[in-house]
N, C-alpha and C. Protein backbone atom coordinates (compact mmCIF):
# COMPACT_ATOMS: atom_id res chain seq x y z
N MET A 1 6.57 -50.18 1.01
CA MET A 1 5.69 -49.02 1.10
C MET A 1 6.54 -47.76 1.27
N ASN A 2 6.29 -46.78 0.42
CA ASN A 2 7.00 -45.51 0.54
C ASN A 2 6.44 -44.71 1.71
N ILE A 3 7.34 -44.06 2.43
CA ILE A 3 6.95 -43.27 3.61
C ILE A 3 7.46 -41.84 3.43
N TYR A 4 6.55 -40.87 3.57
CA TYR A 4 6.89 -39.47 3.39
C TYR A 4 6.22 -38.64 4.49
N THR A 5 6.60 -37.37 4.56
CA THR A 5 5.90 -36.45 5.47
C THR A 5 4.49 -36.21 4.94
N GLY A 6 3.65 -35.62 5.78
CA GLY A 6 2.29 -35.32 5.34
C GLY A 6 2.26 -34.41 4.14
N ALA A 7 3.08 -33.35 4.16
CA ALA A 7 3.10 -32.39 3.05
C ALA A 7 3.56 -33.08 1.77
N GLN A 8 4.57 -33.94 1.87
CA GLN A 8 5.07 -34.66 0.69
C GLN A 8 4.00 -35.60 0.14
N ASN A 9 3.32 -36.31 1.02
CA ASN A 9 2.28 -37.24 0.56
C ASN A 9 1.16 -36.52 -0.17
N MET A 10 0.73 -35.39 0.36
CA MET A 10 -0.36 -34.66 -0.29
C MET A 10 0.09 -34.08 -1.63
N LYS A 11 1.36 -33.67 -1.72
CA LYS A 11 1.89 -33.16 -2.99
C LYS A 11 1.94 -34.28 -4.03
N ILE A 12 2.39 -35.47 -3.63
CA ILE A 12 2.45 -36.60 -4.57
C ILE A 12 1.05 -36.96 -5.06
N ASP A 13 0.08 -36.97 -4.16
CA ASP A 13 -1.29 -37.30 -4.57
C ASP A 13 -1.86 -36.26 -5.52
N SER A 14 -1.58 -34.98 -5.25
CA SER A 14 -2.03 -33.92 -6.14
C SER A 14 -1.38 -34.06 -7.51
N ASP A 15 -0.09 -34.38 -7.52
CA ASP A 15 0.62 -34.59 -8.80
C ASP A 15 0.05 -35.80 -9.54
N MET A 16 -0.32 -36.81 -8.79
CA MET A 16 -0.89 -38.02 -9.37
C MET A 16 -2.20 -37.72 -10.10
N LEU A 17 -3.03 -36.89 -9.46
CA LEU A 17 -4.29 -36.49 -10.08
C LEU A 17 -4.03 -35.65 -11.33
N ASP A 18 -3.12 -34.70 -11.23
CA ASP A 18 -2.81 -33.85 -12.37
C ASP A 18 -2.21 -34.65 -13.53
N TYR A 19 -1.42 -35.66 -13.20
CA TYR A 19 -0.83 -36.54 -14.23
C TYR A 19 -1.94 -37.27 -14.99
N ALA A 20 -2.92 -37.79 -14.25
CA ALA A 20 -4.03 -38.50 -14.90
C ALA A 20 -4.81 -37.57 -15.81
N ILE A 21 -5.05 -36.34 -15.35
CA ILE A 21 -5.79 -35.37 -16.15
C ILE A 21 -5.02 -34.98 -17.41
N ALA A 22 -3.73 -34.66 -17.22
CA ALA A 22 -2.92 -34.20 -18.35
C ALA A 22 -2.76 -35.26 -19.43
N ASN A 23 -2.73 -36.53 -19.01
CA ASN A 23 -2.52 -37.63 -19.95
C ASN A 23 -3.81 -38.33 -20.35
N LYS A 24 -4.95 -37.79 -19.85
CA LYS A 24 -6.27 -38.33 -20.18
C LYS A 24 -6.32 -39.85 -19.97
N LEU A 25 -5.83 -40.28 -18.83
CA LEU A 25 -5.77 -41.71 -18.53
C LEU A 25 -7.17 -42.31 -18.46
N THR A 26 -7.29 -43.50 -18.99
CA THR A 26 -8.56 -44.23 -18.90
C THR A 26 -8.50 -45.34 -17.87
N GLU A 27 -7.28 -45.69 -17.43
CA GLU A 27 -7.09 -46.71 -16.40
C GLU A 27 -6.78 -46.02 -15.07
N PRO A 28 -7.15 -46.64 -13.94
CA PRO A 28 -6.91 -46.02 -12.64
C PRO A 28 -5.45 -46.06 -12.23
N LEU A 29 -5.09 -45.15 -11.33
CA LEU A 29 -3.79 -45.14 -10.68
C LEU A 29 -4.01 -45.45 -9.20
N PHE A 30 -3.06 -46.14 -8.61
CA PHE A 30 -3.22 -46.59 -7.21
C PHE A 30 -1.89 -46.43 -6.50
N ARG A 31 -1.94 -45.90 -5.27
CA ARG A 31 -0.73 -45.73 -4.48
C ARG A 31 -1.00 -46.10 -3.03
N LEU A 32 -0.07 -46.85 -2.43
CA LEU A 32 -0.10 -47.18 -1.01
C LEU A 32 1.09 -46.50 -0.35
N TYR A 33 0.86 -45.90 0.82
CA TYR A 33 1.97 -45.21 1.46
C TYR A 33 1.78 -45.06 2.96
N GLY A 34 2.89 -44.68 3.61
CA GLY A 34 2.88 -44.39 5.03
C GLY A 34 3.33 -42.96 5.30
N TRP A 35 3.37 -42.59 6.57
CA TRP A 35 3.66 -41.21 6.98
C TRP A 35 4.74 -41.20 8.06
N PHE A 36 5.69 -40.29 7.93
CA PHE A 36 6.65 -40.07 9.01
C PHE A 36 7.11 -38.62 8.94
N PRO A 37 6.99 -37.91 10.07
CA PRO A 37 6.43 -38.38 11.34
C PRO A 37 4.92 -38.57 11.24
N ALA A 38 4.32 -39.05 12.34
CA ALA A 38 2.87 -39.17 12.39
C ALA A 38 2.25 -37.82 12.05
N CYS A 39 1.06 -37.86 11.47
CA CYS A 39 0.47 -36.62 10.96
C CYS A 39 -1.04 -36.63 11.09
N VAL A 40 -1.60 -35.51 11.50
CA VAL A 40 -3.05 -35.30 11.46
C VAL A 40 -3.38 -34.68 10.11
N SER A 41 -4.27 -35.31 9.36
CA SER A 41 -4.75 -34.69 8.12
C SER A 41 -6.16 -34.19 8.34
N LEU A 42 -6.39 -32.96 7.94
CA LEU A 42 -7.70 -32.34 8.06
C LEU A 42 -8.44 -32.43 6.73
N GLY A 43 -9.74 -32.64 6.79
CA GLY A 43 -10.55 -32.65 5.58
C GLY A 43 -10.49 -31.29 4.88
N ARG A 44 -10.75 -31.31 3.60
CA ARG A 44 -10.61 -30.11 2.76
C ARG A 44 -11.31 -28.88 3.35
N ASN A 45 -12.49 -29.04 3.88
CA ASN A 45 -13.27 -27.91 4.39
C ASN A 45 -13.47 -27.96 5.90
N GLN A 46 -12.72 -28.81 6.58
CA GLN A 46 -12.90 -29.00 8.02
C GLN A 46 -12.25 -27.86 8.81
N LYS A 47 -12.94 -27.37 9.83
CA LYS A 47 -12.36 -26.38 10.73
C LYS A 47 -11.28 -27.03 11.59
N ASP A 48 -10.31 -26.23 11.99
CA ASP A 48 -9.22 -26.78 12.80
C ASP A 48 -9.25 -26.27 14.23
N ASP A 49 -10.42 -25.76 14.68
CA ASP A 49 -10.49 -25.17 16.01
C ASP A 49 -10.34 -26.19 17.14
N PHE A 50 -10.45 -27.46 16.82
CA PHE A 50 -10.28 -28.51 17.83
C PHE A 50 -8.82 -28.94 17.98
N VAL A 51 -7.96 -28.49 17.08
CA VAL A 51 -6.58 -28.97 17.05
C VAL A 51 -5.74 -28.29 18.14
N ASN A 52 -5.09 -29.11 18.96
CA ASN A 52 -4.17 -28.62 19.98
C ASN A 52 -2.77 -28.63 19.37
N TYR A 53 -2.42 -27.54 18.71
CA TYR A 53 -1.15 -27.50 17.98
C TYR A 53 0.05 -27.63 18.90
N GLU A 54 -0.05 -27.13 20.11
CA GLU A 54 1.07 -27.24 21.06
C GLU A 54 1.32 -28.70 21.42
N PHE A 55 0.24 -29.46 21.64
CA PHE A 55 0.39 -30.88 21.96
C PHE A 55 1.00 -31.63 20.79
N LEU A 56 0.52 -31.34 19.58
CA LEU A 56 1.04 -32.03 18.40
C LEU A 56 2.53 -31.73 18.20
N LYS A 57 2.91 -30.48 18.36
CA LYS A 57 4.31 -30.10 18.19
C LYS A 57 5.18 -30.78 19.23
N ALA A 58 4.70 -30.82 20.47
CA ALA A 58 5.47 -31.44 21.55
C ALA A 58 5.64 -32.93 21.35
N ASN A 59 4.73 -33.54 20.58
CA ASN A 59 4.79 -34.99 20.35
C ASN A 59 5.21 -35.34 18.93
N ASN A 60 5.80 -34.37 18.23
CA ASN A 60 6.33 -34.59 16.88
C ASN A 60 5.27 -35.13 15.92
N ILE A 61 4.10 -34.53 15.96
CA ILE A 61 3.00 -34.90 15.06
C ILE A 61 2.72 -33.73 14.13
N ASP A 62 2.83 -33.95 12.84
CA ASP A 62 2.58 -32.91 11.84
C ASP A 62 1.08 -32.69 11.63
N VAL A 63 0.76 -31.63 10.91
CA VAL A 63 -0.62 -31.35 10.50
C VAL A 63 -0.60 -30.96 9.03
N VAL A 64 -1.54 -31.50 8.26
CA VAL A 64 -1.63 -31.17 6.84
C VAL A 64 -3.11 -31.15 6.46
N ARG A 65 -3.44 -30.43 5.41
CA ARG A 65 -4.83 -30.43 4.91
C ARG A 65 -4.89 -31.24 3.63
N ARG A 66 -5.89 -32.13 3.55
CA ARG A 66 -6.05 -32.99 2.38
C ARG A 66 -6.79 -32.28 1.27
N LEU A 67 -6.62 -32.80 0.05
CA LEU A 67 -7.49 -32.40 -1.06
C LEU A 67 -8.91 -32.88 -0.81
N THR A 68 -9.03 -34.06 -0.24
CA THR A 68 -10.33 -34.70 -0.07
C THR A 68 -11.06 -34.16 1.16
N GLY A 69 -12.37 -34.38 1.17
CA GLY A 69 -13.20 -33.90 2.26
C GLY A 69 -13.16 -34.83 3.46
N GLY A 70 -14.22 -34.76 4.25
CA GLY A 70 -14.31 -35.63 5.42
C GLY A 70 -13.70 -35.00 6.66
N ARG A 71 -13.49 -35.86 7.66
CA ARG A 71 -13.00 -35.40 8.96
C ARG A 71 -11.55 -35.81 9.17
N ALA A 72 -10.99 -35.35 10.27
CA ALA A 72 -9.56 -35.52 10.52
C ALA A 72 -9.19 -36.97 10.83
N LEU A 73 -7.95 -37.29 10.48
CA LEU A 73 -7.37 -38.60 10.77
C LEU A 73 -5.99 -38.40 11.38
N LEU A 74 -5.60 -39.36 12.22
CA LEU A 74 -4.22 -39.42 12.68
C LEU A 74 -3.55 -40.54 11.90
N HIS A 75 -2.61 -40.18 11.05
CA HIS A 75 -1.89 -41.16 10.24
C HIS A 75 -0.66 -41.58 11.01
N ASP A 76 -0.76 -42.76 11.60
CA ASP A 76 0.31 -43.26 12.45
C ASP A 76 0.58 -44.71 12.08
N ASN A 77 -0.06 -45.62 12.77
CA ASN A 77 0.14 -47.05 12.47
C ASN A 77 -0.96 -47.52 11.54
N GLU A 78 -0.91 -47.05 10.31
CA GLU A 78 -1.93 -47.36 9.33
C GLU A 78 -1.32 -47.36 7.93
N ILE A 79 -2.14 -47.70 6.95
CA ILE A 79 -1.73 -47.66 5.55
C ILE A 79 -2.73 -46.77 4.82
N THR A 80 -2.23 -45.81 4.08
CA THR A 80 -3.10 -44.93 3.31
C THR A 80 -3.07 -45.34 1.84
N TYR A 81 -4.23 -45.28 1.20
CA TYR A 81 -4.26 -45.52 -0.24
C TYR A 81 -4.75 -44.27 -0.94
N CYS A 82 -4.31 -44.09 -2.17
CA CYS A 82 -4.83 -43.04 -3.05
C CYS A 82 -5.19 -43.70 -4.38
N TYR A 83 -6.39 -43.47 -4.83
CA TYR A 83 -6.92 -44.08 -6.06
C TYR A 83 -7.42 -42.96 -6.96
N VAL A 84 -6.92 -42.88 -8.16
CA VAL A 84 -7.33 -41.86 -9.12
C VAL A 84 -7.90 -42.54 -10.36
N CYS A 85 -9.06 -42.08 -10.82
CA CYS A 85 -9.68 -42.68 -11.99
C CYS A 85 -10.60 -41.67 -12.67
N PRO A 86 -10.98 -41.92 -13.93
CA PRO A 86 -11.94 -41.04 -14.59
C PRO A 86 -13.27 -41.05 -13.85
N GLN A 87 -13.94 -39.92 -13.84
CA GLN A 87 -15.21 -39.80 -13.13
C GLN A 87 -16.32 -40.58 -13.80
N GLY A 88 -16.35 -40.59 -15.12
CA GLY A 88 -17.41 -41.30 -15.82
C GLY A 88 -18.77 -40.68 -15.54
N VAL A 89 -19.79 -41.51 -15.60
CA VAL A 89 -21.16 -41.02 -15.40
C VAL A 89 -21.73 -41.48 -14.07
N ASP A 90 -20.91 -42.10 -13.24
CA ASP A 90 -21.39 -42.60 -11.95
C ASP A 90 -21.72 -41.46 -11.00
N SER A 91 -22.70 -41.69 -10.16
CA SER A 91 -22.99 -40.75 -9.08
C SER A 91 -21.87 -40.85 -8.05
N VAL A 92 -21.83 -39.91 -7.12
CA VAL A 92 -20.82 -39.96 -6.06
C VAL A 92 -20.93 -41.27 -5.29
N THR A 93 -22.16 -41.65 -4.94
CA THR A 93 -22.36 -42.89 -4.18
C THR A 93 -21.87 -44.10 -4.96
N ASP A 94 -22.23 -44.16 -6.25
CA ASP A 94 -21.82 -45.30 -7.06
C ASP A 94 -20.31 -45.36 -7.24
N SER A 95 -19.67 -44.19 -7.36
CA SER A 95 -18.22 -44.19 -7.53
C SER A 95 -17.52 -44.70 -6.27
N TYR A 96 -18.03 -44.32 -5.10
CA TYR A 96 -17.47 -44.86 -3.86
C TYR A 96 -17.59 -46.38 -3.83
N LYS A 97 -18.74 -46.88 -4.24
CA LYS A 97 -18.98 -48.32 -4.20
C LYS A 97 -18.06 -49.06 -5.17
N LYS A 98 -17.88 -48.50 -6.37
CA LYS A 98 -17.02 -49.17 -7.35
C LYS A 98 -15.57 -49.20 -6.90
N ILE A 99 -15.07 -48.07 -6.40
CA ILE A 99 -13.68 -48.01 -5.97
C ILE A 99 -13.48 -48.87 -4.73
N SER A 100 -14.39 -48.78 -3.79
CA SER A 100 -14.25 -49.53 -2.54
C SER A 100 -14.40 -51.04 -2.76
N GLN A 101 -15.10 -51.42 -3.82
CA GLN A 101 -15.26 -52.84 -4.12
C GLN A 101 -13.90 -53.50 -4.37
N VAL A 102 -12.96 -52.72 -4.92
CA VAL A 102 -11.60 -53.23 -5.12
C VAL A 102 -11.00 -53.67 -3.79
N LEU A 103 -11.21 -52.86 -2.76
CA LEU A 103 -10.70 -53.20 -1.43
C LEU A 103 -11.48 -54.33 -0.79
N ILE A 104 -12.78 -54.34 -0.98
CA ILE A 104 -13.60 -55.43 -0.44
C ILE A 104 -13.11 -56.77 -1.00
N ASP A 105 -12.85 -56.82 -2.30
CA ASP A 105 -12.38 -58.04 -2.93
C ASP A 105 -11.00 -58.44 -2.41
N ALA A 106 -10.12 -57.45 -2.23
CA ALA A 106 -8.77 -57.73 -1.75
C ALA A 106 -8.80 -58.29 -0.33
N PHE A 107 -9.62 -57.72 0.52
CA PHE A 107 -9.70 -58.20 1.91
C PHE A 107 -10.45 -59.52 2.00
N ALA A 108 -11.40 -59.74 1.11
CA ALA A 108 -12.09 -61.03 1.09
C ALA A 108 -11.11 -62.16 0.81
N ALA A 109 -10.10 -61.90 -0.03
CA ALA A 109 -9.08 -62.90 -0.32
C ALA A 109 -8.21 -63.20 0.89
N MET A 110 -8.26 -62.31 1.89
CA MET A 110 -7.52 -62.52 3.15
C MET A 110 -8.45 -63.03 4.25
N ASP A 111 -9.65 -63.46 3.85
CA ASP A 111 -10.67 -63.93 4.81
C ASP A 111 -11.09 -62.84 5.79
N ILE A 112 -11.12 -61.60 5.31
CA ILE A 112 -11.60 -60.47 6.11
C ILE A 112 -12.77 -59.85 5.35
N PRO A 113 -14.00 -60.27 5.65
CA PRO A 113 -15.16 -59.75 4.93
C PRO A 113 -15.51 -58.33 5.39
N LEU A 114 -15.59 -57.42 4.45
CA LEU A 114 -15.93 -56.03 4.76
C LEU A 114 -17.27 -55.66 4.14
N GLU A 115 -17.93 -54.70 4.77
CA GLU A 115 -19.18 -54.19 4.23
C GLU A 115 -19.18 -52.67 4.34
N PHE A 116 -20.07 -52.04 3.58
CA PHE A 116 -20.14 -50.59 3.62
C PHE A 116 -20.76 -50.13 4.94
N GLY A 117 -20.29 -48.96 5.39
CA GLY A 117 -20.82 -48.38 6.61
C GLY A 117 -22.14 -47.67 6.34
N GLY A 118 -22.50 -46.81 7.29
CA GLY A 118 -23.74 -46.06 7.11
C GLY A 118 -24.48 -45.81 8.39
N ILE A 119 -23.99 -46.35 9.51
CA ILE A 119 -24.65 -46.12 10.80
C ILE A 119 -24.04 -44.89 11.45
N ARG A 120 -24.83 -43.84 11.59
CA ARG A 120 -24.35 -42.61 12.20
C ARG A 120 -24.73 -42.58 13.68
N LYS A 121 -23.76 -42.33 14.53
CA LYS A 121 -24.04 -42.21 15.95
C LYS A 121 -24.34 -40.74 16.27
N PRO A 122 -25.20 -40.48 17.25
CA PRO A 122 -25.54 -39.09 17.58
C PRO A 122 -24.33 -38.32 18.08
N GLY A 123 -24.34 -37.01 17.80
CA GLY A 123 -23.26 -36.16 18.26
C GLY A 123 -22.29 -35.81 17.15
N HIS A 124 -21.45 -34.82 17.41
CA HIS A 124 -20.45 -34.38 16.43
C HIS A 124 -19.09 -34.95 16.81
N PHE A 125 -18.38 -35.47 15.81
CA PHE A 125 -17.05 -36.01 16.05
C PHE A 125 -16.09 -35.41 15.02
N ASP A 126 -14.91 -34.99 15.50
CA ASP A 126 -13.89 -34.48 14.58
C ASP A 126 -13.03 -35.60 14.02
N TYR A 127 -12.92 -36.72 14.75
CA TYR A 127 -12.11 -37.86 14.32
C TYR A 127 -12.90 -38.73 13.35
N CYS A 128 -12.37 -38.89 12.16
CA CYS A 128 -13.08 -39.57 11.07
C CYS A 128 -13.53 -40.98 11.43
N MET A 129 -12.69 -41.73 12.13
CA MET A 129 -12.99 -43.15 12.35
C MET A 129 -14.16 -43.38 13.30
N LEU A 130 -14.64 -42.34 13.96
CA LEU A 130 -15.78 -42.49 14.86
C LEU A 130 -17.11 -42.30 14.14
N VAL A 131 -17.05 -41.96 12.86
CA VAL A 131 -18.27 -41.74 12.07
C VAL A 131 -18.25 -42.67 10.87
N SER A 132 -19.28 -43.49 10.74
CA SER A 132 -19.35 -44.45 9.63
C SER A 132 -20.40 -44.00 8.63
N THR A 133 -19.98 -43.82 7.37
CA THR A 133 -20.90 -43.43 6.31
C THR A 133 -20.87 -44.47 5.20
N GLY A 134 -21.65 -44.26 4.18
CA GLY A 134 -21.69 -45.18 3.06
C GLY A 134 -20.41 -45.20 2.25
N ALA A 135 -19.50 -44.25 2.53
CA ALA A 135 -18.21 -44.22 1.83
C ALA A 135 -17.15 -45.06 2.53
N ASP A 136 -17.48 -45.57 3.71
CA ASP A 136 -16.50 -46.27 4.54
C ASP A 136 -16.72 -47.78 4.52
N LEU A 137 -15.69 -48.50 4.95
CA LEU A 137 -15.77 -49.96 5.00
C LEU A 137 -15.61 -50.44 6.44
N CYS A 138 -16.47 -51.37 6.82
CA CYS A 138 -16.52 -51.86 8.19
C CYS A 138 -16.33 -53.37 8.25
N TYR A 139 -15.91 -53.82 9.41
CA TYR A 139 -15.81 -55.25 9.70
C TYR A 139 -16.70 -55.52 10.90
N GLN A 140 -17.73 -56.32 10.71
CA GLN A 140 -18.69 -56.65 11.76
C GLN A 140 -19.22 -55.39 12.45
N GLY A 141 -19.54 -54.39 11.63
CA GLY A 141 -20.14 -53.17 12.15
C GLY A 141 -19.16 -52.15 12.69
N LYS A 142 -17.88 -52.47 12.71
CA LYS A 142 -16.86 -51.53 13.21
C LYS A 142 -16.05 -50.98 12.04
N LYS A 143 -15.81 -49.70 12.06
CA LYS A 143 -15.12 -49.04 10.95
C LYS A 143 -13.64 -49.42 10.91
N LEU A 144 -13.19 -49.84 9.72
CA LEU A 144 -11.79 -50.21 9.50
C LEU A 144 -11.12 -49.27 8.50
N ILE A 145 -11.85 -48.85 7.47
CA ILE A 145 -11.29 -48.02 6.41
C ILE A 145 -12.18 -46.79 6.22
N GLY A 146 -11.60 -45.62 6.41
CA GLY A 146 -12.31 -44.37 6.15
C GLY A 146 -11.86 -43.78 4.83
N SER A 147 -12.80 -43.35 3.99
CA SER A 147 -12.47 -42.84 2.66
C SER A 147 -13.16 -41.51 2.39
N ALA A 148 -12.55 -40.73 1.49
CA ALA A 148 -13.12 -39.45 1.07
C ALA A 148 -12.65 -39.15 -0.34
N GLN A 149 -13.39 -38.27 -1.04
CA GLN A 149 -13.10 -37.99 -2.44
C GLN A 149 -12.87 -36.50 -2.71
N PHE A 150 -12.21 -36.28 -3.86
CA PHE A 150 -12.07 -34.95 -4.46
C PHE A 150 -12.20 -35.13 -5.96
N ARG A 151 -12.87 -34.20 -6.63
CA ARG A 151 -13.08 -34.31 -8.08
C ARG A 151 -12.52 -33.09 -8.79
N LYS A 152 -11.88 -33.33 -9.93
CA LYS A 152 -11.27 -32.25 -10.69
C LYS A 152 -11.23 -32.62 -12.17
N GLU A 153 -11.79 -31.78 -13.01
CA GLU A 153 -11.71 -31.91 -14.47
C GLU A 153 -12.02 -33.33 -14.96
N GLY A 154 -13.10 -33.90 -14.40
CA GLY A 154 -13.55 -35.21 -14.87
C GLY A 154 -12.84 -36.39 -14.25
N TYR A 155 -12.04 -36.18 -13.20
CA TYR A 155 -11.33 -37.27 -12.53
C TYR A 155 -11.63 -37.27 -11.03
N ILE A 156 -11.55 -38.44 -10.44
CA ILE A 156 -11.78 -38.63 -9.02
C ILE A 156 -10.46 -39.00 -8.35
N LEU A 157 -10.19 -38.37 -7.22
CA LEU A 157 -9.13 -38.81 -6.32
C LEU A 157 -9.80 -39.28 -5.04
N GLN A 158 -9.61 -40.54 -4.70
CA GLN A 158 -10.17 -41.07 -3.46
C GLN A 158 -9.04 -41.46 -2.52
N HIS A 159 -9.09 -40.89 -1.32
CA HIS A 159 -8.16 -41.24 -0.25
C HIS A 159 -8.82 -42.26 0.68
N GLY A 160 -8.01 -43.09 1.30
CA GLY A 160 -8.54 -43.98 2.32
C GLY A 160 -7.48 -44.35 3.33
N SER A 161 -7.88 -44.45 4.58
CA SER A 161 -6.99 -44.83 5.67
C SER A 161 -7.38 -46.23 6.15
N ILE A 162 -6.44 -47.17 6.04
CA ILE A 162 -6.65 -48.55 6.50
C ILE A 162 -5.97 -48.68 7.86
N LEU A 163 -6.76 -48.84 8.90
CA LEU A 163 -6.22 -48.81 10.26
C LEU A 163 -5.57 -50.14 10.60
N TYR A 164 -4.23 -50.13 10.70
CA TYR A 164 -3.54 -51.36 11.08
C TYR A 164 -3.59 -51.55 12.59
N ASP A 165 -3.35 -50.49 13.34
CA ASP A 165 -3.45 -50.52 14.80
C ASP A 165 -3.65 -49.08 15.26
N TYR A 166 -4.09 -48.90 16.50
CA TYR A 166 -4.29 -47.55 16.99
C TYR A 166 -4.06 -47.47 18.49
N ASP A 167 -3.70 -46.28 18.92
CA ASP A 167 -3.47 -45.98 20.34
C ASP A 167 -4.62 -45.09 20.78
N ALA A 168 -5.60 -45.69 21.47
CA ALA A 168 -6.80 -44.95 21.85
C ALA A 168 -6.47 -43.75 22.74
N ASP A 169 -5.52 -43.92 23.65
CA ASP A 169 -5.16 -42.81 24.55
C ASP A 169 -4.60 -41.63 23.76
N LEU A 170 -3.74 -41.92 22.78
CA LEU A 170 -3.17 -40.86 21.96
C LEU A 170 -4.26 -40.17 21.14
N LEU A 171 -5.14 -40.96 20.56
CA LEU A 171 -6.23 -40.39 19.76
C LEU A 171 -7.09 -39.45 20.59
N GLU A 172 -7.37 -39.84 21.81
CA GLU A 172 -8.21 -39.02 22.68
C GLU A 172 -7.51 -37.70 23.02
N LYS A 173 -6.19 -37.74 23.17
CA LYS A 173 -5.44 -36.51 23.45
C LYS A 173 -5.36 -35.63 22.22
N VAL A 174 -5.25 -36.24 21.05
CA VAL A 174 -5.16 -35.47 19.81
C VAL A 174 -6.49 -34.82 19.46
N PHE A 175 -7.58 -35.58 19.58
CA PHE A 175 -8.88 -35.08 19.12
C PHE A 175 -9.79 -34.59 20.24
N GLY A 176 -9.40 -34.84 21.48
CA GLY A 176 -10.19 -34.34 22.59
C GLY A 176 -11.57 -34.95 22.70
N GLU A 177 -11.71 -36.19 22.26
CA GLU A 177 -12.99 -36.88 22.35
C GLU A 177 -12.76 -38.37 22.60
N LYS A 178 -13.70 -38.97 23.28
CA LYS A 178 -13.58 -40.37 23.66
C LYS A 178 -13.62 -41.28 22.44
N VAL A 179 -12.68 -42.23 22.38
CA VAL A 179 -12.67 -43.21 21.30
C VAL A 179 -13.55 -44.38 21.69
N ASP A 180 -14.64 -44.55 20.97
CA ASP A 180 -15.59 -45.63 21.22
C ASP A 180 -15.08 -46.89 20.53
N LYS A 181 -14.54 -47.83 21.30
CA LYS A 181 -13.95 -49.03 20.72
C LYS A 181 -14.99 -49.96 20.12
N SER A 182 -16.26 -49.68 20.35
CA SER A 182 -17.31 -50.47 19.71
C SER A 182 -17.60 -49.97 18.30
N ALA A 183 -16.99 -48.82 17.94
CA ALA A 183 -17.27 -48.21 16.64
C ALA A 183 -16.11 -48.37 15.66
N VAL A 184 -14.92 -48.70 16.16
CA VAL A 184 -13.73 -48.74 15.31
C VAL A 184 -12.95 -50.02 15.58
N THR A 185 -12.29 -50.53 14.54
CA THR A 185 -11.47 -51.72 14.70
C THR A 185 -10.19 -51.56 13.88
N SER A 186 -9.32 -52.55 13.96
CA SER A 186 -8.04 -52.49 13.26
C SER A 186 -7.66 -53.88 12.77
N ILE A 187 -6.70 -53.92 11.86
CA ILE A 187 -6.22 -55.20 11.37
C ILE A 187 -5.65 -56.04 12.51
N LYS A 188 -4.97 -55.40 13.46
CA LYS A 188 -4.39 -56.12 14.60
C LYS A 188 -5.45 -56.81 15.42
N GLU A 189 -6.63 -56.21 15.51
CA GLU A 189 -7.73 -56.83 16.25
C GLU A 189 -8.38 -57.95 15.44
N ILE A 190 -8.51 -57.73 14.15
CA ILE A 190 -9.20 -58.70 13.30
C ILE A 190 -8.33 -59.92 13.00
N ALA A 191 -7.09 -59.65 12.64
CA ALA A 191 -6.17 -60.73 12.22
C ALA A 191 -4.80 -60.48 12.85
N PRO A 192 -4.63 -60.84 14.13
CA PRO A 192 -3.40 -60.51 14.86
C PRO A 192 -2.12 -61.05 14.22
N ARG A 193 -2.22 -62.13 13.45
CA ARG A 193 -1.02 -62.73 12.86
C ARG A 193 -0.65 -62.10 11.51
N LEU A 194 -1.51 -61.24 11.00
CA LEU A 194 -1.25 -60.61 9.71
C LEU A 194 -0.36 -59.39 9.92
N THR A 195 0.89 -59.50 9.51
CA THR A 195 1.81 -58.37 9.68
C THR A 195 1.50 -57.28 8.67
N LYS A 196 2.01 -56.09 8.95
CA LYS A 196 1.79 -54.98 8.02
C LYS A 196 2.44 -55.27 6.67
N ASP A 197 3.64 -55.86 6.71
CA ASP A 197 4.33 -56.19 5.45
C ASP A 197 3.53 -57.20 4.63
N ALA A 198 2.96 -58.19 5.30
CA ALA A 198 2.16 -59.19 4.59
C ALA A 198 0.89 -58.56 4.02
N LEU A 199 0.30 -57.65 4.77
CA LEU A 199 -0.89 -56.95 4.29
C LEU A 199 -0.56 -56.12 3.06
N LEU A 200 0.56 -55.41 3.12
CA LEU A 200 0.98 -54.60 1.97
C LEU A 200 1.23 -55.46 0.74
N GLN A 201 1.85 -56.60 0.95
CA GLN A 201 2.14 -57.50 -0.17
C GLN A 201 0.85 -57.93 -0.86
N LYS A 202 -0.18 -58.22 -0.07
CA LYS A 202 -1.45 -58.66 -0.64
C LYS A 202 -2.18 -57.50 -1.31
N LEU A 203 -2.11 -56.32 -0.73
CA LEU A 203 -2.76 -55.17 -1.35
C LEU A 203 -2.08 -54.76 -2.64
N ASN A 204 -0.77 -54.96 -2.70
CA ASN A 204 -0.03 -54.63 -3.93
C ASN A 204 -0.33 -55.60 -5.06
N MET A 205 -1.04 -56.68 -4.76
CA MET A 205 -1.41 -57.65 -5.78
C MET A 205 -2.78 -57.35 -6.38
N ILE A 206 -3.39 -56.24 -5.94
CA ILE A 206 -4.68 -55.86 -6.52
C ILE A 206 -4.53 -55.77 -8.03
N PRO A 207 -5.32 -56.51 -8.80
CA PRO A 207 -5.12 -56.59 -10.25
C PRO A 207 -5.63 -55.37 -11.00
N LYS A 208 -5.09 -55.23 -12.22
CA LYS A 208 -5.59 -54.26 -13.20
C LYS A 208 -5.52 -52.83 -12.69
N ILE A 209 -4.49 -52.54 -11.90
CA ILE A 209 -4.30 -51.17 -11.41
C ILE A 209 -2.87 -50.75 -11.69
N MET A 210 -2.70 -49.56 -12.25
CA MET A 210 -1.37 -49.03 -12.50
C MET A 210 -0.81 -48.45 -11.20
N GLN A 211 0.33 -48.97 -10.75
CA GLN A 211 0.94 -48.47 -9.53
C GLN A 211 1.60 -47.12 -9.80
N PHE A 212 1.46 -46.21 -8.87
CA PHE A 212 2.05 -44.87 -9.00
C PHE A 212 3.00 -44.64 -7.84
N SER A 213 4.23 -44.24 -8.11
CA SER A 213 5.20 -44.02 -7.04
C SER A 213 5.99 -42.76 -7.29
């Protein structure tokens, strides 16, 4: 898995989308990557008034704004995917379902059954993983993968964060809100023996996808 800074990762994803547009690709592009140092990514239109920049700087945590919408994420002990494909005639909801089905199938092969989210809890949350929508994937009702989209010139770029493990105390300090452990889960909780390297190996076997690096 390639690991870059937040700014580098967002530049590569933007280039990936532009490459698909310029070459009129009909097949999807797929990228898996990590972040170093840890980084908070803000949704395309999300306000940053909740961000404690002094705390992030003191703890060597970067901040970057994504092309895609949605709420903020802390990219630390997780795997991020980027999927680019032609928009076609699908609705936004249908496109999420088609792209996410690739992940559902991949995790099903690892005996990890996932389903679409959609249960909204009352209140406002800045941290993406505390809010489950129809664009997200859950395990037994707990959010595991948060996804968001951006569309440009007939193409879709979908980002997703696959939570391998998380530090609830750190998340609460970063986002200033309580992490409800009944709402979020991780690979470490679901399959403790599945290493990150083994997970990456299985995800890289997703068929019929052009890898982008």
